[in-house]
Amino acid sequence: MHAQITYFDGPRSPEEIAAAEYAGTHRIAPLVATFGNVQTYVLQRDDGSWFTVTFADSEQTLRDIQKAIMSTELLPGEDPALLRGPDRVELFPVVAMHD
């Protein structure tokens, strides 16, 4: 199992947050779901900083998801000026899990 942490640094405006939420719900999440056994958690701070933690069976799956997201076309009404890309992306092997 591997994990990816994607960082979107703040501060972000309410419009940027709304645009990111829309993209995540309507474009990105359905795409990620096509990859099978993948779980994503979204964490957000008050300043709009956003972190996603995604778990997949392999590092290659995470890389394939990255490539797929970057190649999708925006949906009607999405404004690219409001959709900043990630500030950084880190990949890690998962070495332990505790319930």
PDB file of N, CA and C in Angstrom:
ATOM      1  N   MET A   1       0.850  -1.170   0.000  1.00  0.00           N
ATOM      2  CA  MET A   1       0.000   0.000   0.000  1.00  0.00           C
ATOM      3  C   MET A   1       0.898   1.237   0.000  1.00  0.00           C
ATOM      4  N   HIS A   2       0.434   2.259  -0.718  1.00  0.00           N
ATOM      5  CA  HIS A   2       1.158   3.528  -0.794  1.00  0.00           C
ATOM      6  C   HIS A   2       0.203   4.676  -0.511  1.00  0.00           C
ATOM      7  N   ALA A   3       0.771   5.792  -0.086  1.00  0.00           N
ATOM      8  CA  ALA A   3      -0.020   6.987   0.211  1.00  0.00           C
ATOM      9  C   ALA A   3       0.566   8.175  -0.530  1.00  0.00           C
ATOM     10  N   GLN A   4      -0.317   9.086  -0.874  1.00  0.00           N
ATOM     11  CA  GLN A   4       0.091  10.351  -1.477  1.00  0.00           C
ATOM     12  C   GLN A   4      -0.503  11.475  -0.655  1.00  0.00           C
ATOM     13  N   ILE A   5       0.326  12.449  -0.296  1.00  0.00           N
ATOM     14  CA  ILE A   5      -0.166  13.656   0.360  1.00  0.00           C
ATOM     15  C   ILE A   5       0.003  14.792  -0.637  1.00  0.00           C
ATOM     16  N   THR A   6      -1.092  15.477  -0.906  1.00  0.00           N
ATOM     17  CA  THR A   6      -1.106  16.590  -1.851  1.00  0.00           C
ATOM     18  C   THR A   6      -1.438  17.850  -1.073  1.00  0.00           C
ATOM     19  N   TYR A   7      -0.595  18.861  -1.206  1.00  0.00           N
ATOM     20  CA  TYR A   7      -0.722  20.098  -0.436  1.00  0.00           C
ATOM     21  C   TYR A   7      -1.191  21.241  -1.327  1.00  0.00           C
ATOM     22  N   PHE A   8      -2.214  21.941  -0.880  1.00  0.00           N
ATOM     23  CA  PHE A   8      -2.692  23.163  -1.514  1.00  0.00           C
ATOM     24  C   PHE A   8      -2.597  24.245  -0.443  1.00  0.00           C
ATOM     25  N   ASP A   9      -1.547  25.035  -0.495  1.00  0.00           N
ATOM     26  CA  ASP A   9      -1.287  26.016   0.554  1.00  0.00           C
ATOM     27  C   ASP A   9      -2.300  27.156   0.526  1.00  0.00           C
ATOM     28  N   GLY A  10      -2.564  27.716   1.693  1.00  0.00           N
ATOM     29  CA  GLY A  10      -3.437  28.868   1.828  1.00  0.00           C
ATOM     30  C   GLY A  10      -2.609  30.129   1.898  1.00  0.00           C
ATOM     31  N   PRO A  11      -3.247  31.238   2.075  1.00  0.00           N
ATOM     32  CA  PRO A  11      -4.704  31.343   2.167  1.00  0.00           C
ATOM     33  C   PRO A  11      -5.347  31.239   0.789  1.00  0.00           C
ATOM     34  N   ARG A  12      -6.605  30.791   0.806  1.00  0.00           N
ATOM     35  CA  ARG A  12      -7.393  30.710  -0.422  1.00  0.00           C
ATOM     36  C   ARG A  12      -8.705  31.438  -0.194  1.00  0.00           C
ATOM     37  N   SER A  13      -9.178  32.084  -1.217  1.00  0.00           N
ATOM     38  CA  SER A  13     -10.420  32.849  -1.127  1.00  0.00           C
ATOM     39  C   SER A  13     -11.617  31.900  -1.085  1.00  0.00           C
ATOM     40  N   PRO A  14     -12.767  32.385  -0.621  1.00  0.00           N
ATOM     41  CA  PRO A  14     -13.976  31.550  -0.648  1.00  0.00           C
ATOM     42  C   PRO A  14     -14.293  31.049  -2.060  1.00  0.00           C
ATOM     43  N   GLU A  15     -14.012  31.857  -3.078  1.00  0.00           N
ATOM     44  CA  GLU A  15     -14.265  31.436  -4.460  1.00  0.00           C
ATOM     45  C   GLU A  15     -13.331  30.299  -4.874  1.00  0.00           C
ATOM     46  N   GLU A  16     -12.075  30.381  -4.462  1.00  0.00           N
ATOM     47  CA  GLU A  16     -11.125  29.306  -4.769  1.00  0.00           C
ATOM     48  C   GLU A  16     -11.512  28.021  -4.049  1.00  0.00           C
ATOM     49  N   ILE A  17     -11.945  28.140  -2.809  1.00  0.00           N
ATOM     50  CA  ILE A  17     -12.370  26.960  -2.050  1.00  0.00           C
ATOM     51  C   ILE A  17     -13.581  26.325  -2.714  1.00  0.00           C
ATOM     52  N   ALA A  18     -14.566  27.143  -3.094  1.00  0.00           N
ATOM     53  CA  ALA A  18     -15.772  26.616  -3.748  1.00  0.00           C
ATOM     54  C   ALA A  18     -15.421  25.941  -5.072  1.00  0.00           C
ATOM     55  N   ALA A  19     -14.518  26.539  -5.843  1.00  0.00           N
ATOM     56  CA  ALA A  19     -14.112  25.956  -7.123  1.00  0.00           C
ATOM     57  C   ALA A  19     -13.411  24.615  -6.914  1.00  0.00           C
ATOM     58  N   ALA A  20     -12.551  24.537  -5.907  1.00  0.00           N
ATOM     59  CA  ALA A  20     -11.844  23.287  -5.614  1.00  0.00           C
ATOM     60  C   ALA A  20     -12.812  22.211  -5.139  1.00  0.00           C
ATOM     61  N   GLU A  21     -13.768  22.585  -4.305  1.00  0.00           N
ATOM     62  CA  GLU A  21     -14.764  21.616  -3.839  1.00  0.00           C
ATOM     63  C   GLU A  21     -15.595  21.091  -5.006  1.00  0.00           C
ATOM     64  N   TYR A  22     -15.987  21.988  -5.908  1.00  0.00           N
ATOM     65  CA  TYR A  22     -16.772  21.575  -7.079  1.00  0.00           C
ATOM     66  C   TYR A  22     -15.960  20.612  -7.952  1.00  0.00           C
ATOM     67  N   ALA A  23     -14.717  20.978  -8.242  1.00  0.00           N
ATOM     68  CA  ALA A  23     -13.856  20.122  -9.061  1.00  0.00           C
ATOM     69  C   ALA A  23     -13.644  18.768  -8.398  1.00  0.00           C
ATOM     70  N   GLY A  24     -13.414  18.786  -7.095  1.00  0.00           N
ATOM     71  CA  GLY A  24     -13.192  17.538  -6.373  1.00  0.00           C
ATOM     72  C   GLY A  24     -14.394  16.622  -6.410  1.00  0.00           C
ATOM     73  N   THR A  25     -15.571  17.191  -6.239  1.00  0.00           N
ATOM     74  CA  THR A  25     -16.801  16.398  -6.186  1.00  0.00           C
ATOM     75  C   THR A  25     -17.259  15.931  -7.565  1.00  0.00           C
ATOM     76  N   HIS A  26     -17.200  16.809  -8.548  1.00  0.00           N
ATOM     77  CA  HIS A  26     -17.828  16.525  -9.841  1.00  0.00           C
ATOM     78  C   HIS A  26     -16.881  16.024 -10.926  1.00  0.00           C
ATOM     79  N   ARG A  27     -15.588  16.278 -10.791  1.00  0.00           N
ATOM     80  CA  ARG A  27     -14.649  15.858 -11.830  1.00  0.00           C
ATOM     81  C   ARG A  27     -13.601  14.881 -11.308  1.00  0.00           C
ATOM     82  N   ILE A  28     -12.980  15.217 -10.182  1.00  0.00           N
ATOM     83  CA  ILE A  28     -11.848  14.418  -9.717  1.00  0.00           C
ATOM     84  C   ILE A  28     -12.289  13.137  -9.015  1.00  0.00           C
ATOM     85  N   ALA A  29     -13.218  13.217  -8.068  1.00  0.00           N
ATOM     86  CA  ALA A  29     -13.645  12.010  -7.340  1.00  0.00           C
ATOM     87  C   ALA A  29     -14.203  10.936  -8.272  1.00  0.00           C
ATOM     88  N   PRO A  30     -15.073  11.277  -9.241  1.00  0.00           N
ATOM     89  CA  PRO A  30     -15.546  10.225 -10.151  1.00  0.00           C
ATOM     90  C   PRO A  30     -14.412   9.588 -10.956  1.00  0.00           C
ATOM     91  N   LEU A  31     -13.424  10.381 -11.339  1.00  0.00           N
ATOM     92  CA  LEU A  31     -12.283   9.840 -12.064  1.00  0.00           C
ATOM     93  C   LEU A  31     -11.480   8.890 -11.182  1.00  0.00           C
ATOM     94  N   VAL A  32     -11.183   9.312  -9.962  1.00  0.00           N
ATOM     95  CA  VAL A  32     -10.401   8.481  -9.040  1.00  0.00           C
ATOM     96  C   VAL A  32     -11.132   7.170  -8.752  1.00  0.00           C
ATOM     97  N   ALA A  33     -12.454   7.214  -8.688  1.00  0.00           N
ATOM     98  CA  ALA A  33     -13.242   6.005  -8.409  1.00  0.00           C
ATOM     99  C   ALA A  33     -13.043   4.932  -9.477  1.00  0.00           C
ATOM    100  N   THR A  34     -12.659   5.313 -10.679  1.00  0.00           N
ATOM    101  CA  THR A  34     -12.452   4.326 -11.740  1.00  0.00           C
ATOM    102  C   THR A  34     -11.191   3.497 -11.515  1.00  0.00           C
ATOM    103  N   PHE A  35     -10.351   3.900 -10.577  1.00  0.00           N
ATOM    104  CA  PHE A  35      -9.113   3.178 -10.307  1.00  0.00           C
ATOM    105  C   PHE A  35      -9.284   2.062  -9.286  1.00  0.00           C
ATOM    106  N   GLY A  36     -10.501   1.847  -8.795  1.00  0.00           N
ATOM    107  CA  GLY A  36     -10.736   0.732  -7.894  1.00  0.00           C
ATOM    108  C   GLY A  36     -10.459   1.048  -6.446  1.00  0.00           C
ATOM    109  N   ASN A  37      -9.626   0.236  -5.816  1.00  0.00           N
ATOM    110  CA  ASN A  37      -9.400   0.287  -4.373  1.00  0.00           C
ATOM    111  C   ASN A  37      -8.531   1.484  -3.981  1.00  0.00           C
ATOM    112  N   VAL A  38      -9.148   2.664  -3.959  1.00  0.00           N
ATOM    113  CA  VAL A  38      -8.455   3.907  -3.618  1.00  0.00           C
ATOM    114  C   VAL A  38      -9.312   4.652  -2.612  1.00  0.00           C
ATOM    115  N   GLN A  39      -8.693   5.165  -1.563  1.00  0.00           N
ATOM    116  CA  GLN A  39      -9.400   5.979  -0.569  1.00  0.00           C
ATOM    117  C   GLN A  39      -8.719   7.336  -0.490  1.00  0.00           C
ATOM    118  N   THR A  40      -9.537   8.389  -0.426  1.00  0.00           N
ATOM    119  CA  THR A  40      -9.009   9.748  -0.318  1.00  0.00           C
ATOM    120  C   THR A  40      -9.672  10.465   0.840  1.00  0.00           C
ATOM    121  N   TYR A  41      -8.863  11.140   1.629  1.00  0.00           N
ATOM    122  CA  TYR A  41      -9.344  11.974   2.731  1.00  0.00           C
ATOM    123  C   TYR A  41      -8.926  13.406   2.424  1.00  0.00           C
ATOM    124  N   VAL A  42      -9.837  14.342   2.647  1.00  0.00           N
ATOM    125  CA  VAL A  42      -9.567  15.754   2.405  1.00  0.00           C
ATOM    126  C   VAL A  42      -9.577  16.476   3.746  1.00  0.00           C
ATOM    127  N   LEU A  43      -8.517  17.221   4.024  1.00  0.00           N
ATOM    128  CA  LEU A  43      -8.374  17.965   5.272  1.00  0.00           C
ATOM    129  C   LEU A  43      -8.254  19.443   4.920  1.00  0.00           C
ATOM    130  N   GLN A  44      -8.952  20.295   5.674  1.00  0.00           N
ATOM    131  CA  GLN A  44      -8.914  21.723   5.360  1.00  0.00           C
ATOM    132  C   GLN A  44      -8.777  22.548   6.627  1.00  0.00           C
ATOM    133  N   ARG A  45      -7.912  23.563   6.561  1.00  0.00           N
ATOM    134  CA  ARG A  45      -7.740  24.514   7.661  1.00  0.00           C
ATOM    135  C   ARG A  45      -8.608  25.742   7.415  1.00  0.00           C
ATOM    136  N   ASP A  46      -8.732  26.576   8.458  1.00  0.00           N
ATOM    137  CA  ASP A  46      -9.560  27.779   8.370  1.00  0.00           C
ATOM    138  C   ASP A  46      -9.108  28.746   7.275  1.00  0.00           C
ATOM    139  N   ASP A  47      -7.807  28.768   6.959  1.00  0.00           N
ATOM    140  CA  ASP A  47      -7.318  29.700   5.933  1.00  0.00           C
ATOM    141  C   ASP A  47      -7.500  29.170   4.515  1.00  0.00           C
ATOM    142  N   GLY A  48      -8.137  28.012   4.398  1.00  0.00           N
ATOM    143  CA  GLY A  48      -8.364  27.425   3.085  1.00  0.00           C
ATOM    144  C   GLY A  48      -7.281  26.471   2.639  1.00  0.00           C
ATOM    145  N   SER A  49      -6.221  26.311   3.444  1.00  0.00           N
ATOM    146  CA  SER A  49      -5.218  25.301   3.115  1.00  0.00           C
ATOM    147  C   SER A  49      -5.921  23.958   3.005  1.00  0.00           C
ATOM    148  N   TRP A  50      -5.491  23.184   2.050  1.00  0.00           N
ATOM    149  CA  TRP A  50      -6.180  21.942   1.747  1.00  0.00           C
ATOM    150  C   TRP A  50      -5.134  20.861   1.595  1.00  0.00           C
ATOM    151  N   PHE A  51      -5.371  19.715   2.182  1.00  0.00           N
ATOM    152  CA  PHE A  51      -4.472  18.576   2.067  1.00  0.00           C
ATOM    153  C   PHE A  51      -5.313  17.374   1.684  1.00  0.00           C
ATOM    154  N   THR A  52      -4.872  16.606   0.718  1.00  0.00           N
ATOM    155  CA  THR A  52      -5.542  15.342   0.455  1.00  0.00           C
ATOM    156  C   THR A  52      -4.566  14.220   0.771  1.00  0.00           C
ATOM    157  N   VAL A  53      -5.073  13.179   1.382  1.00  0.00           N
ATOM    158  CA  VAL A  53      -4.297  11.979   1.659  1.00  0.00           C
ATOM    159  C   VAL A  53      -4.997  10.853   0.918  1.00  0.00           C
ATOM    160  N   THR A  54      -4.294  10.263  -0.031  1.00  0.00           N
ATOM    161  CA  THR A  54      -4.871   9.219  -0.870  1.00  0.00           C
ATOM    162  C   THR A  54      -4.087   7.933  -0.666  1.00  0.00           C
ATOM    163  N   PHE A  55      -4.818   6.842  -0.486  1.00  0.00           N
ATOM    164  CA  PHE A  55      -4.213   5.522  -0.317  1.00  0.00           C
ATOM    165  C   PHE A  55      -4.573   4.659  -1.520  1.00  0.00           C
ATOM    166  N   ALA A  56      -3.585   3.916  -2.021  1.00  0.00           N
ATOM    167  CA  ALA A  56      -3.805   3.004  -3.143  1.00  0.00           C
ATOM    168  C   ALA A  56      -2.914   1.785  -2.961  1.00  0.00           C
ATOM    169  N   ASP A  57      -3.198   0.758  -3.742  1.00  0.00           N
ATOM    170  CA  ASP A  57      -2.436  -0.481  -3.631  1.00  0.00           C
ATOM    171  C   ASP A  57      -0.981  -0.338  -4.068  1.00  0.00           C
ATOM    172  N   SER A  58      -0.710   0.617  -4.966  1.00  0.00           N
ATOM    173  CA  SER A  58       0.663   0.750  -5.454  1.00  0.00           C
ATOM    174  C   SER A  58       1.010   2.208  -5.735  1.00  0.00           C
ATOM    175  N   GLU A  59       2.300   2.478  -5.757  1.00  0.00           N
ATOM    176  CA  GLU A  59       2.770   3.808  -6.128  1.00  0.00           C
ATOM    177  C   GLU A  59       2.389   4.117  -7.570  1.00  0.00           C
ATOM    178  N   GLN A  60       2.444   3.099  -8.433  1.00  0.00           N
ATOM    179  CA  GLN A  60       2.102   3.320  -9.839  1.00  0.00           C
ATOM    180  C   GLN A  60       0.652   3.760  -9.992  1.00  0.00           C
ATOM    181  N   THR A  61      -0.246   3.199  -9.192  1.00  0.00           N
ATOM    182  CA  THR A  61      -1.644   3.632  -9.247  1.00  0.00           C
ATOM    183  C   THR A  61      -1.749   5.104  -8.902  1.00  0.00           C
ATOM    184  N   LEU A  62      -1.042   5.545  -7.882  1.00  0.00           N
ATOM    185  CA  LEU A  62      -1.068   6.961  -7.511  1.00  0.00           C
ATOM    186  C   LEU A  62      -0.523   7.833  -8.638  1.00  0.00           C
ATOM    187  N   ARG A  63       0.536   7.394  -9.278  1.00  0.00           N
ATOM    188  CA  ARG A  63       1.099   8.160 -10.399  1.00  0.00           C
ATOM    189  C   ARG A  63       0.126   8.193 -11.582  1.00  0.00           C
ATOM    190  N   ASP A  64      -0.547   7.072 -11.828  1.00  0.00           N
ATOM    191  CA  ASP A  64      -1.538   7.025 -12.907  1.00  0.00           C
ATOM    192  C   ASP A  64      -2.708   7.959 -12.618  1.00  0.00           C
ATOM    193  N   ILE A  65      -3.116   8.032 -11.357  1.00  0.00           N
ATOM    194  CA  ILE A  65      -4.192   8.951 -10.970  1.00  0.00           C
ATOM    195  C   ILE A  65      -3.746  10.394 -11.191  1.00  0.00           C
ATOM    196  N   GLN A  66      -2.526  10.727 -10.787  1.00  0.00           N
ATOM    197  CA  GLN A  66      -2.004  12.085 -11.012  1.00  0.00           C
ATOM    198  C   GLN A  66      -2.093  12.454 -12.489  1.00  0.00           C
ATOM    199  N   LYS A  67      -1.598  11.554 -13.337  1.00  0.00           N
ATOM    200  CA  LYS A  67      -1.585  11.806 -14.778  1.00  0.00           C
ATOM    201  C   LYS A  67      -3.008  11.968 -15.315  1.00  0.00           C
ATOM    202  N   ALA A  68      -3.920  11.122 -14.863  1.00  0.00           N
ATOM    203  CA  ALA A  68      -5.308  11.195 -15.327  1.00  0.00           C
ATOM    204  C   ALA A  68      -5.961  12.514 -14.920  1.00  0.00           C
ATOM    205  N   ILE A  69      -5.743  12.941 -13.680  1.00  0.00           N
ATOM    206  CA  ILE A  69      -6.330  14.207 -13.212  1.00  0.00           C
ATOM    207  C   ILE A  69      -5.801  15.371 -14.040  1.00  0.00           C
ATOM    208  N   MET A  70      -4.510  15.387 -14.288  1.00  0.00           N
ATOM    209  CA  MET A  70      -3.910  16.507 -15.019  1.00  0.00           C
ATOM    210  C   MET A  70      -4.333  16.536 -16.485  1.00  0.00           C
ATOM    211  N   SER A  71      -4.834  15.418 -17.010  1.00  0.00           N
ATOM    212  CA  SER A  71      -5.235  15.383 -18.417  1.00  0.00           C
ATOM    213  C   SER A  71      -6.740  15.544 -18.616  1.00  0.00           C
ATOM    214  N   THR A  72      -7.512  15.651 -17.532  1.00  0.00           N
ATOM    215  CA  THR A  72      -8.955  15.827 -17.696  1.00  0.00           C
ATOM    216  C   THR A  72      -9.262  17.248 -18.144  1.00  0.00           C
ATOM    217  N   GLU A  73     -10.324  17.358 -18.910  1.00  0.00           N
ATOM    218  CA  GLU A  73     -10.799  18.681 -19.306  1.00  0.00           C
ATOM    219  C   GLU A  73     -11.670  19.234 -18.194  1.00  0.00           C
ATOM    220  N   LEU A  74     -11.642  20.549 -18.037  1.00  0.00           N
ATOM    221  CA  LEU A  74     -12.502  21.182 -17.042  1.00  0.00           C
ATOM    222  C   LEU A  74     -13.954  21.014 -17.452  1.00  0.00           C
ATOM    223  N   LEU A  75     -14.815  20.963 -16.464  1.00  0.00           N
ATOM    224  CA  LEU A  75     -16.248  20.883 -16.717  1.00  0.00           C
ATOM    225  C   LEU A  75     -16.776  22.260 -17.104  1.00  0.00           C
ATOM    226  N   PRO A  76     -17.917  22.304 -17.792  1.00  0.00           N
ATOM    227  CA  PRO A  76     -18.504  23.607 -18.105  1.00  0.00           C
ATOM    228  C   PRO A  76     -18.689  24.424 -16.819  1.00  0.00           C
ATOM    229  N   GLY A  77     -18.275  25.669 -16.872  1.00  0.00           N
ATOM    230  CA  GLY A  77     -18.411  26.551 -15.718  1.00  0.00           C
ATOM    231  C   GLY A  77     -17.205  26.590 -14.806  1.00  0.00           C
ATOM    232  N   GLU A  78     -16.267  25.640 -14.954  1.00  0.00           N
ATOM    233  CA  GLU A  78     -15.062  25.688 -14.127  1.00  0.00           C
ATOM    234  C   GLU A  78     -14.131  26.785 -14.647  1.00  0.00           C
ATOM    235  N   ASP A  79     -13.594  27.575 -13.737  1.00  0.00           N
ATOM    236  CA  ASP A  79     -12.715  28.690 -14.081  1.00  0.00           C
ATOM    237  C   ASP A  79     -11.279  28.312 -13.731  1.00  0.00           C
ATOM    238  N   PRO A  80     -10.413  28.128 -14.729  1.00  0.00           N
ATOM    239  CA  PRO A  80      -9.036  27.726 -14.427  1.00  0.00           C
ATOM    240  C   PRO A  80      -8.291  28.721 -13.543  1.00  0.00           C
ATOM    241  N   ALA A  81      -8.705  29.980 -13.551  1.00  0.00           N
ATOM    242  CA  ALA A  81      -8.050  30.984 -12.705  1.00  0.00           C
ATOM    243  C   ALA A  81      -8.288  30.716 -11.223  1.00  0.00           C
ATOM    244  N   LEU A  82      -9.357  29.988 -10.901  1.00  0.00           N
ATOM    245  CA  LEU A  82      -9.673  29.680  -9.502  1.00  0.00           C
ATOM    246  C   LEU A  82      -9.114  28.328  -9.064  1.00  0.00           C
ATOM    247  N   LEU A  83      -8.557  27.571  -9.994  1.00  0.00           N
ATOM    248  CA  LEU A  83      -8.089  26.217  -9.696  1.00  0.00           C
ATOM    249  C   LEU A  83      -6.565  26.171  -9.714  1.00  0.00           C
ATOM    250  N   ARG A  84      -5.983  26.571  -8.603  1.00  0.00           N
ATOM    251  CA  ARG A  84      -4.529  26.471  -8.480  1.00  0.00           C
ATOM    252  C   ARG A  84      -4.156  25.001  -8.366  1.00  0.00           C
ATOM    253  N   GLY A  85      -3.081  24.637  -8.982  1.00  0.00           N
ATOM    254  CA  GLY A  85      -2.590  23.276  -8.839  1.00  0.00           C
ATOM    255  C   GLY A  85      -1.985  23.075  -7.464  1.00  0.00           C
ATOM    256  N   PRO A  86      -1.596  21.849  -7.163  1.00  0.00           N
ATOM    257  CA  PRO A  86      -1.000  21.586  -5.852  1.00  0.00           C
ATOM    258  C   PRO A  86       0.341  22.288  -5.703  1.00  0.00           C
ATOM    259  N   ASP A  87       0.653  22.661  -4.463  1.00  0.00           N
ATOM    260  CA  ASP A  87       1.949  23.265  -4.167  1.00  0.00           C
ATOM    261  C   ASP A  87       3.040  22.215  -4.064  1.00  0.00           C
ATOM    262  N   ARG A  88       2.673  21.028  -3.634  1.00  0.00           N
ATOM    263  CA  ARG A  88       3.623  19.915  -3.618  1.00  0.00           C
ATOM    264  C   ARG A  88       2.857  18.608  -3.437  1.00  0.00           C
ATOM    265  N   VAL A  89       3.511  17.533  -3.868  1.00  0.00           N
ATOM    266  CA  VAL A  89       2.939  16.190  -3.785  1.00  0.00           C
ATOM    267  C   VAL A  89       4.038  15.275  -3.266  1.00  0.00           C
ATOM    268  N   GLU A  90       3.704  14.463  -2.273  1.00  0.00           N
ATOM    269  CA  GLU A  90       4.674  13.520  -1.710  1.00  0.00           C
ATOM    270  C   GLU A  90       4.073  12.121  -1.731  1.00  0.00           C
ATOM    271  N   LEU A  91       4.900  11.133  -2.059  1.00  0.00           N
ATOM    272  CA  LEU A  91       4.488   9.729  -2.074  1.00  0.00           C
ATOM    273  C   LEU A  91       5.255   8.974  -0.996  1.00  0.00           C
ATOM    274  N   PHE A  92       4.550   8.060  -0.331  1.00  0.00           N
ATOM    275  CA  PHE A  92       5.144   7.284   0.755  1.00  0.00           C
ATOM    276  C   PHE A  92       4.664   5.840   0.690  1.00  0.00           C
ATOM    277  N   PRO A  93       5.527   4.875   1.008  1.00  0.00           N
ATOM    278  CA  PRO A  93       5.018   3.533   1.265  1.00  0.00           C
ATOM    279  C   PRO A  93       4.365   3.533   2.650  1.00  0.00           C
ATOM    280  N   VAL A  94       3.285   2.805   2.791  1.00  0.00           N
ATOM    281  CA  VAL A  94       2.638   2.675   4.099  1.00  0.00           C
ATOM    282  C   VAL A  94       3.323   1.518   4.817  1.00  0.00           C
ATOM    283  N   VAL A  95       3.881   1.792   5.992  1.00  0.00           N
ATOM    284  CA  VAL A  95       4.627   0.759   6.713  1.00  0.00           C
ATOM    285  C   VAL A  95       3.849   0.168   7.879  1.00  0.00           C
ATOM    286  N   ALA A  96       2.767   0.826   8.288  1.00  0.00           N
ATOM    287  CA  ALA A  96       1.953   0.291   9.387  1.00  0.00           C
ATOM    288  C   ALA A  96       0.578   0.939   9.352  1.00  0.00           C
ATOM    289  N   MET A  97      -0.410   0.212   9.879  1.00  0.00           N
ATOM    290  CA  MET A  97      -1.757   0.739  10.034  1.00  0.00           C
ATOM    291  C   MET A  97      -2.292   0.246  11.371  1.00  0.00           C
ATOM    292  N   HIS A  98      -2.927   1.131  12.113  1.00  0.00           N
ATOM    293  CA  HIS A  98      -3.466   0.770  13.423  1.00  0.00           C
ATOM    294  C   HIS A  98      -4.929   1.173  13.485  1.00  0.00           C
ATOM    295  N   ASP A  99      -5.767   0.290  13.986  1.00  0.00           N
ATOM    296  CA  ASP A  99      -7.194   0.609  14.175  1.00  0.00           C
ATOM    297  C   ASP A  99      -7.401   1.250  15.516  1.00  0.00           C
TER     298      ASP A  99
END
